[in-house]
């Protein structure tokens, strides 16, 4: 049966889902639009950051300079470093039982003399 709508449209029973499909198509078009805009922003920001990084590298290369090394001062510092951090460090063992035995031996030697 044909029914008249308030907008003077004819509703056919076969086209009941037409409004929902139309809404779904607008939603899908919106998602595609958001995806495209997001992709464009992503690509733009990555290209922009790559250009900035390239510019920074180029500026760094122009500011590089070669410095000479004072080998007499280097040898002096190296020698002092090796003296300070040598492998011949004292190992302190804290064993209270051996300390008591050594103290009694020393006391006995003092009494004997």
C-alpha atoms as a PDB file:
ATOM      1  CA  UNK A   1       0.000   0.000   0.000  1.00  0.00           C
ATOM      2  CA  UNK A   2       1.111   3.507  -0.684  1.00  0.00           C
ATOM      3  CA  UNK A   3       1.145   5.993   2.163  1.00  0.00           C
ATOM      4  CA  UNK A   4       1.606   9.713   1.979  1.00  0.00           C
ATOM      5  CA  UNK A   5       4.191  11.297   4.244  1.00  0.00           C
ATOM      6  CA  UNK A   6       4.047  14.775   5.747  1.00  0.00           C
ATOM      7  CA  UNK A   7       6.549  15.922   3.110  1.00  0.00           C
ATOM      8  CA  UNK A   8       4.317  14.692   0.318  1.00  0.00           C
ATOM      9  CA  UNK A   9       6.557  11.692  -0.297  1.00  0.00           C
ATOM     10  CA  UNK A  10       5.254   8.303  -1.120  1.00  0.00           C
ATOM     11  CA  UNK A  11       6.474   5.544   1.194  1.00  0.00           C
ATOM     12  CA  UNK A  12       6.870   2.147  -0.376  1.00  0.00           C
ATOM     13  CA  UNK A  13       7.331  -0.803   2.026  1.00  0.00           C
ATOM     14  CA  UNK A  14      10.414  -1.982   0.113  1.00  0.00           C
ATOM     15  CA  UNK A  15      12.226   1.262   0.911  1.00  0.00           C
ATOM     16  CA  UNK A  16      11.771   1.340   4.693  1.00  0.00           C
ATOM     17  CA  UNK A  17      15.519   0.976   5.300  1.00  0.00           C
ATOM     18  CA  UNK A  18      16.389   3.824   2.930  1.00  0.00           C
ATOM     19  CA  UNK A  19      16.688   6.434   5.727  1.00  0.00           C
ATOM     20  CA  UNK A  20      19.003   4.200   7.798  1.00  0.00           C
ATOM     21  CA  UNK A  21      21.163   3.416   4.782  1.00  0.00           C
ATOM     22  CA  UNK A  22      21.402   7.092   3.940  1.00  0.00           C
ATOM     23  CA  UNK A  23      22.477   7.906   7.514  1.00  0.00           C
ATOM     24  CA  UNK A  24      25.017   5.069   7.413  1.00  0.00           C
ATOM     25  CA  UNK A  25      26.448   6.350   4.122  1.00  0.00           C
ATOM     26  CA  UNK A  26      26.880   9.861   5.621  1.00  0.00           C
ATOM     27  CA  UNK A  27      28.642   8.303   8.611  1.00  0.00           C
ATOM     28  CA  UNK A  28      30.989   6.280   6.386  1.00  0.00           C
ATOM     29  CA  UNK A  29      31.742   9.337   4.229  1.00  0.00           C
ATOM     30  CA  UNK A  30      32.535  11.258   7.428  1.00  0.00           C
ATOM     31  CA  UNK A  31      34.907   8.527   8.621  1.00  0.00           C
ATOM     32  CA  UNK A  32      36.670   8.495   5.258  1.00  0.00           C
ATOM     33  CA  UNK A  33      36.969  12.298   5.393  1.00  0.00           C
ATOM     34  CA  UNK A  34      38.406  12.223   8.913  1.00  0.00           C
ATOM     35  CA  UNK A  35      40.861   9.511   7.841  1.00  0.00           C
ATOM     36  CA  UNK A  36      41.996  11.533   4.842  1.00  0.00           C
ATOM     37  CA  UNK A  37      42.440  14.697   6.889  1.00  0.00           C
ATOM     38  CA  UNK A  38      44.337  12.760   9.571  1.00  0.00           C
ATOM     39  CA  UNK A  39      46.569  11.158   6.939  1.00  0.00           C
ATOM     40  CA  UNK A  40      47.333  14.507   5.334  1.00  0.00           C
ATOM     41  CA  UNK A  41      48.197  16.043   8.718  1.00  0.00           C
ATOM     42  CA  UNK A  42      50.381  13.041   9.585  1.00  0.00           C
ATOM     43  CA  UNK A  43      52.304  13.184   6.312  1.00  0.00           C
ATOM     44  CA  UNK A  44      52.664  16.973   6.521  1.00  0.00           C
ATOM     45  CA  UNK A  45      54.039  16.871  10.076  1.00  0.00           C
ATOM     46  CA  UNK A  46      56.490  14.074   9.251  1.00  0.00           C
ATOM     47  CA  UNK A  47      57.764  15.877   6.160  1.00  0.00           C
ATOM     48  CA  UNK A  48      58.064  19.108   8.133  1.00  0.00           C
ATOM     49  CA  UNK A  49      59.997  17.393  10.943  1.00  0.00           C
ATOM     50  CA  UNK A  50      62.282  15.661   8.420  1.00  0.00           C
ATOM     51  CA  UNK A  51      63.068  19.025   6.831  1.00  0.00           C
ATOM     52  CA  UNK A  52      63.814  20.491  10.274  1.00  0.00           C
ATOM     53  CA  UNK A  53      66.111  17.598  11.148  1.00  0.00           C
ATOM     54  CA  UNK A  54      67.944  17.926   7.825  1.00  0.00           C
ATOM     55  CA  UNK A  55      68.383  21.629   8.426  1.00  0.00           C
ATOM     56  CA  UNK A  56      69.744  20.949  11.919  1.00  0.00           C
ATOM     57  CA  UNK A  57      72.284  18.457  10.540  1.00  0.00           C
ATOM     58  CA  UNK A  58      73.403  20.928   7.890  1.00  0.00           C
ATOM     59  CA  UNK A  59      73.799  23.665  10.493  1.00  0.00           C
ATOM     60  CA  UNK A  60      75.779  21.290  12.699  1.00  0.00           C
ATOM     61  CA  UNK A  61      78.126  20.370   9.856  1.00  0.00           C
ATOM     62  CA  UNK A  62      78.904  24.035   9.176  1.00  0.00           C
ATOM     63  CA  UNK A  63      79.694  24.703  12.861  1.00  0.00           C
ATOM     64  CA  UNK A  64      82.124  21.807  13.300  1.00  0.00           C
ATOM     65  CA  UNK A  65      85.750  22.645  13.953  1.00  0.00           C
ATOM     66  CA  UNK A  66      88.852  20.559  14.443  1.00  0.00           C
ATOM     67  CA  UNK A  67      90.564  20.949  17.796  1.00  0.00           C
ATOM     68  CA  UNK A  68      94.137  19.889  18.386  1.00  0.00           C
ATOM     69  CA  UNK A  69      94.984  17.655  21.327  1.00  0.00           C
ATOM     70  CA  UNK A  70      97.686  18.657  23.766  1.00  0.00           C
ATOM     71  CA  UNK A  71      99.374  15.273  24.192  1.00  0.00           C
ATOM     72  CA  UNK A  72     101.657  16.355  27.044  1.00  0.00           C
ATOM     73  CA  UNK A  73      98.642  17.345  29.115  1.00  0.00           C
ATOM     74  CA  UNK A  74      96.800  14.199  27.996  1.00  0.00           C
ATOM     75  CA  UNK A  75      99.685  11.974  29.139  1.00  0.00           C
ATOM     76  CA  UNK A  76      99.862  13.788  32.462  1.00  0.00           C
ATOM     77  CA  UNK A  77      96.139  13.393  33.116  1.00  0.00           C
ATOM     78  CA  UNK A  78      96.214   9.748  31.986  1.00  0.00           C
ATOM     79  CA  UNK A  79      99.074   8.989  34.372  1.00  0.00           C
ATOM     80  CA  UNK A  80      97.261  10.649  37.303  1.00  0.00           C
ATOM     81  CA  UNK A  81      94.051   8.817  36.419  1.00  0.00           C
ATOM     82  CA  UNK A  82      95.806   5.452  36.404  1.00  0.00           C
ATOM     83  CA  UNK A  83      97.432   6.212  39.753  1.00  0.00           C
ATOM     84  CA  UNK A  84      94.135   7.159  41.312  1.00  0.00           C
ATOM     85  CA  UNK A  85      92.163   4.189  39.971  1.00  0.00           C
ATOM     86  CA  UNK A  86      94.811   1.499  40.054  1.00  0.00           C
ATOM     87  CA  UNK A  87      94.054  -2.152  40.725  1.00  0.00           C
ATOM     88  CA  UNK A  88      96.251  -2.146  43.827  1.00  0.00           C
ATOM     89  CA  UNK A  89      93.504  -1.022  46.159  1.00  0.00           C
ATOM     90  CA  UNK A  90      93.385  -2.289  49.703  1.00  0.00           C
ATOM     91  CA  UNK A  91      90.680  -4.782  50.466  1.00  0.00           C
ATOM     92  CA  UNK A  92      89.359  -4.232  53.943  1.00  0.00           C
ATOM     93  CA  UNK A  93      87.893  -7.336  55.502  1.00  0.00           C
ATOM     94  CA  UNK A  94      85.884  -6.879  58.625  1.00  0.00           C
ATOM     95  CA  UNK A  95      86.103 -10.150  60.479  1.00  0.00           C
ATOM     96  CA  UNK A  96      85.624  -9.628  64.206  1.00  0.00           C
ATOM     97  CA  UNK A  97      86.878 -13.105  65.155  1.00  0.00           C
ATOM     98  CA  UNK A  98      90.283 -12.748  63.509  1.00  0.00           C
ATOM     99  CA  UNK A  99      90.686  -9.276  64.992  1.00  0.00           C
ATOM    100  CA  UNK A 100      90.210 -10.709  68.500  1.00  0.00           C
ATOM    101  CA  UNK A 101      92.729 -13.471  67.888  1.00  0.00           C
ATOM    102  CA  UNK A 102      95.321 -11.008  66.587  1.00  0.00           C
ATOM    103  CA  UNK A 103      94.710  -8.655  69.508  1.00  0.00           C
ATOM    104  CA  UNK A 104      95.242 -11.435  72.056  1.00  0.00           C
ATOM    105  CA  UNK A 105      98.465 -12.537  70.322  1.00  0.00           C
ATOM    106  CA  UNK A 106      99.781  -9.002  70.453  1.00  0.00           C
ATOM    107  CA  UNK A 107      98.875  -8.730  74.154  1.00  0.00           C
ATOM    108  CA  UNK A 108     100.577 -12.056  74.897  1.00  0.00           C
ATOM    109  CA  UNK A 109     103.752 -10.928  73.144  1.00  0.00           C
ATOM    110  CA  UNK A 110     103.763  -7.731  75.143  1.00  0.00           C
ATOM    111  CA  UNK A 111     103.401  -9.648  78.474  1.00  0.00           C
ATOM    112  CA  UNK A 112     106.142 -12.105  77.608  1.00  0.00           C
ATOM    113  CA  UNK A 113     108.709  -9.431  77.011  1.00  0.00           C
END
